[in-house]
Amino acid sequence: MNGFKRMAAVGAAMAVISACGGSSDDGPKGDPVAFQASIQGTWAACQSNGSLSTSSTMVVSGLAVSGALRVYANGTCTGTPAAEETFAGTLHIGAAVFKALGSATVIAYQVDLTDSVGTSYDLGYVDTVAVPNRLYMGDSSGANDGSTPALRPTALDETLVHAKQ
């Protein structure tokens, strides 16, 4: 499992915040400080295939992040988990990048998580208009698994969405 996916999905968002808003004049002019503020708090998601479910939770406090991934022998993420993995680390928010989300184009951020396993490379976007807010991370289901900067996901994952608690 890679780091940030342990928060988002595991399949789950800053030691240093980069102030760059893109690498060219026509790139996105995002605000990494505002993104950091938007991901503060507790996030949770549950995915189910009917007979098994996986819950992922993460807590972001400043630049620190911790969380857990729990697997349940039911489709509702309830009861005693059959398996559990926890993590803790620090985040780094990098450059703003344009990414598609449904029919819209949003400004996402390169997000790196460093924990005891190493560093994973991901994307992050918070929909602050949604109630509750929704956190989208990169889609690491293909070749771009976030294991290196060159293999950072290139698209947002619309199937696993964390809701702000």
Protein backbone atom coordinates (compact mmCIF):
# COMPACT_ATOMS: atom_id res chain seq x y z
CA MET A 1 0.00 0.00 0.00
CA ASN A 2 1.27 3.46 -0.73
CA GLY A 3 1.09 6.17 1.93
CA PHE A 4 -1.60 8.65 1.00
CA LYS A 5 -3.79 5.91 -0.44
CA ARG A 6 -3.89 4.39 3.04
CA MET A 7 -5.80 7.55 3.98
CA ALA A 8 -7.89 7.83 0.91
CA ALA A 9 -8.60 4.29 -0.03
CA VAL A 10 -6.31 1.85 0.75
CA GLY A 11 -6.59 2.81 -0.35
CA ALA A 12 -5.44 6.56 2.31
CA ALA A 13 -3.60 14.31 2.57
CA MET A 14 2.70 18.87 4.72
CA ALA A 15 6.27 19.14 6.11
CA VAL A 16 6.88 22.12 3.81
CA ILE A 17 4.30 24.10 1.85
CA SER A 18 5.38 25.22 -1.56
CA ALA A 19 4.13 28.62 -2.59
CA CYS A 20 4.36 27.91 -6.29
CA GLY A 21 1.10 28.07 -8.19
CA GLY A 22 2.21 26.32 -11.36
CA SER A 23 5.24 26.06 -13.54
CA SER A 24 4.18 28.34 -16.37
CA ASP A 25 2.30 31.55 -16.94
CA ASP A 26 -0.77 29.62 -18.14
CA GLY A 27 -0.74 27.07 -15.29
CA PRO A 28 -3.16 27.13 -12.36
CA LYS A 29 -2.71 29.84 -9.77
CA GLY A 30 -3.88 27.84 -6.77
CA ASP A 31 -3.46 28.69 -3.10
CA PRO A 32 -1.65 25.87 -1.22
CA VAL A 33 -2.28 27.62 2.12
CA ALA A 34 -6.04 27.62 1.46
CA PHE A 35 -5.86 23.95 0.42
CA GLN A 36 -3.99 23.10 3.61
CA ALA A 37 -6.71 24.88 5.62
CA SER A 38 -9.46 23.02 3.75
CA ILE A 39 -8.08 19.56 4.57
CA GLN A 40 -7.84 20.16 8.32
CA GLY A 41 -10.05 17.87 10.42
CA THR A 42 -11.38 14.34 10.24
CA TRP A 43 -12.33 12.61 6.98
CA ALA A 44 -14.08 9.26 6.52
CA ALA A 45 -15.16 6.98 3.69
CA CYS A 46 -16.73 3.53 3.34
CA GLN A 47 -16.55 1.34 0.24
CA SER A 48 -18.53 -1.86 -0.08
CA ASN A 49 -18.80 -4.71 -2.55
CA GLY A 50 -21.88 -6.08 -0.75
CA SER A 51 -20.24 -8.75 1.40
CA LEU A 52 -17.08 -6.90 2.45
CA SER A 53 -16.49 -3.24 3.20
CA THR A 54 -13.50 -1.04 3.84
CA SER A 55 -13.55 2.13 5.90
CA SER A 56 -10.79 4.66 5.81
CA THR A 57 -10.44 7.55 8.18
CA MET A 58 -7.81 10.21 8.46
CA VAL A 59 -7.18 13.16 10.71
CA VAL A 60 -5.21 16.15 9.45
CA SER A 61 -3.88 18.54 12.08
CA GLY A 62 -1.52 21.18 10.77
CA LEU A 63 1.10 19.26 8.84
CA ALA A 64 0.54 15.97 10.68
CA VAL A 65 -1.76 13.24 9.45
CA SER A 66 -2.88 9.95 10.97
CA GLY A 67 -5.49 7.43 10.05
CA ALA A 68 -6.74 3.91 9.83
CA LEU A 69 -8.00 1.47 7.23
CA ARG A 70 -10.43 -1.16 8.48
CA VAL A 71 -11.86 -4.15 6.62
CA TYR A 72 -15.25 -5.54 7.72
CA ALA A 73 -16.93 -8.86 6.94
CA ASN A 74 -20.14 -6.99 6.06
CA GLY A 75 -21.18 -4.37 3.54
CA THR A 76 -21.73 -1.53 6.01
CA CYS A 77 -18.37 -0.72 7.65
CA THR A 78 -19.86 -1.57 11.05
CA GLY A 79 -19.03 -3.96 13.87
CA THR A 80 -15.63 -5.34 14.72
CA PRO A 81 -13.12 -5.03 11.88
CA ALA A 82 -11.59 -8.21 10.51
CA ALA A 83 -8.35 -6.34 9.77
CA GLU A 84 -6.94 -2.91 10.56
CA GLU A 85 -3.92 -0.87 9.50
CA THR A 86 -2.98 2.49 11.02
CA PHE A 87 -0.50 5.11 9.90
CA ALA A 88 0.91 8.48 10.90
CA GLY A 89 3.08 10.88 8.97
CA THR A 90 3.58 14.35 7.60
CA LEU A 91 2.23 15.96 4.47
CA HIS A 92 3.78 18.24 1.88
CA ILE A 93 1.60 20.23 -0.53
CA GLY A 94 3.25 20.96 -3.85
CA ALA A 95 2.22 22.54 -7.11
CA ALA A 96 -1.33 23.28 -8.17
CA VAL A 97 -2.48 21.33 -11.24
CA PHE A 98 -5.63 21.38 -13.39
CA LYS A 99 -7.55 18.08 -13.21
CA ALA A 100 -10.92 16.91 -14.51
CA LEU A 101 -13.62 16.05 -11.99
CA GLY A 102 -16.74 14.92 -13.79
CA SER A 103 -17.48 17.58 -16.40
CA ALA A 104 -15.62 20.31 -14.45
CA THR A 105 -11.95 21.22 -14.32
CA VAL A 106 -10.66 21.87 -10.79
CA ILE A 107 -7.40 23.00 -9.22
CA ALA A 108 -5.92 20.03 -7.39
CA TYR A 109 -2.59 19.85 -5.59
CA GLN A 110 0.33 17.50 -5.60
CA VAL A 111 0.30 15.94 -2.12
CA ASP A 112 3.12 13.83 -0.70
CA LEU A 113 2.87 11.75 2.47
CA THR A 114 5.95 10.66 4.35
CA ASP A 115 5.42 7.99 7.00
CA SER A 116 7.38 5.08 8.45
CA VAL A 117 7.04 3.17 5.15
CA GLY A 118 8.45 5.99 2.98
CA THR A 119 6.97 8.70 0.78
CA SER A 120 3.99 8.35 -1.52
CA TYR A 121 3.02 10.85 -4.21
CA ASP A 122 -0.61 11.73 -4.81
CA LEU A 123 -3.12 14.41 -5.78
CA GLY A 124 -5.70 16.09 -3.56
CA TYR A 125 -8.77 18.27 -4.09
CA VAL A 126 -11.41 19.42 -1.59
CA ASP A 127 -14.89 20.32 -2.79
CA THR A 128 -15.69 23.02 -0.23
CA VAL A 129 -19.10 23.73 -1.79
CA ALA A 130 -20.39 20.22 -1.02
CA VAL A 131 -22.06 19.68 2.36
CA PRO A 132 -20.24 18.06 4.03
CA ASN A 133 -17.00 18.95 2.22
CA ARG A 134 -15.59 16.14 0.06
CA LEU A 135 -11.98 15.09 -0.35
CA TYR A 136 -10.90 13.56 -3.66
CA MET A 137 -7.50 11.92 -4.04
CA GLY A 138 -5.64 10.63 -7.08
CA ASP A 139 -6.67 7.50 -8.95
CA SER A 140 -3.84 5.05 -8.32
CA SER A 141 -5.60 2.02 -9.81
CA GLY A 142 -3.42 1.95 -12.93
CA ALA A 143 0.26 2.34 -13.66
CA ASN A 144 0.39 5.67 -11.84
CA ASP A 145 0.38 4.19 -8.33
CA GLY A 146 2.12 7.08 -6.53
CA SER A 147 5.24 5.08 -5.71
CA THR A 148 7.54 7.74 -7.25
CA PRO A 149 7.06 11.37 -8.33
CA ALA A 150 7.03 10.19 -11.96
CA LEU A 151 4.23 7.72 -11.11
CA ARG A 152 2.03 10.27 -9.31
CA PRO A 153 -1.64 9.72 -10.29
CA THR A 154 -2.71 11.87 -13.21
CA ALA A 155 -6.47 11.85 -12.52
CA LEU A 156 -8.73 12.26 -9.50
CA ASP A 157 -10.54 9.17 -8.17
CA GLU A 158 -14.29 9.79 -8.27
CA THR A 159 -15.17 6.40 -6.78
CA LEU A 160 -13.68 6.91 -3.31
CA VAL A 161 -14.66 10.19 -1.72
CA HIS A 162 -13.99 11.13 1.90
CA ALA A 163 -16.58 13.27 3.62
CA LYS A 164 -15.65 15.80 6.29
CA GLN A 165 -16.86 14.66 9.70
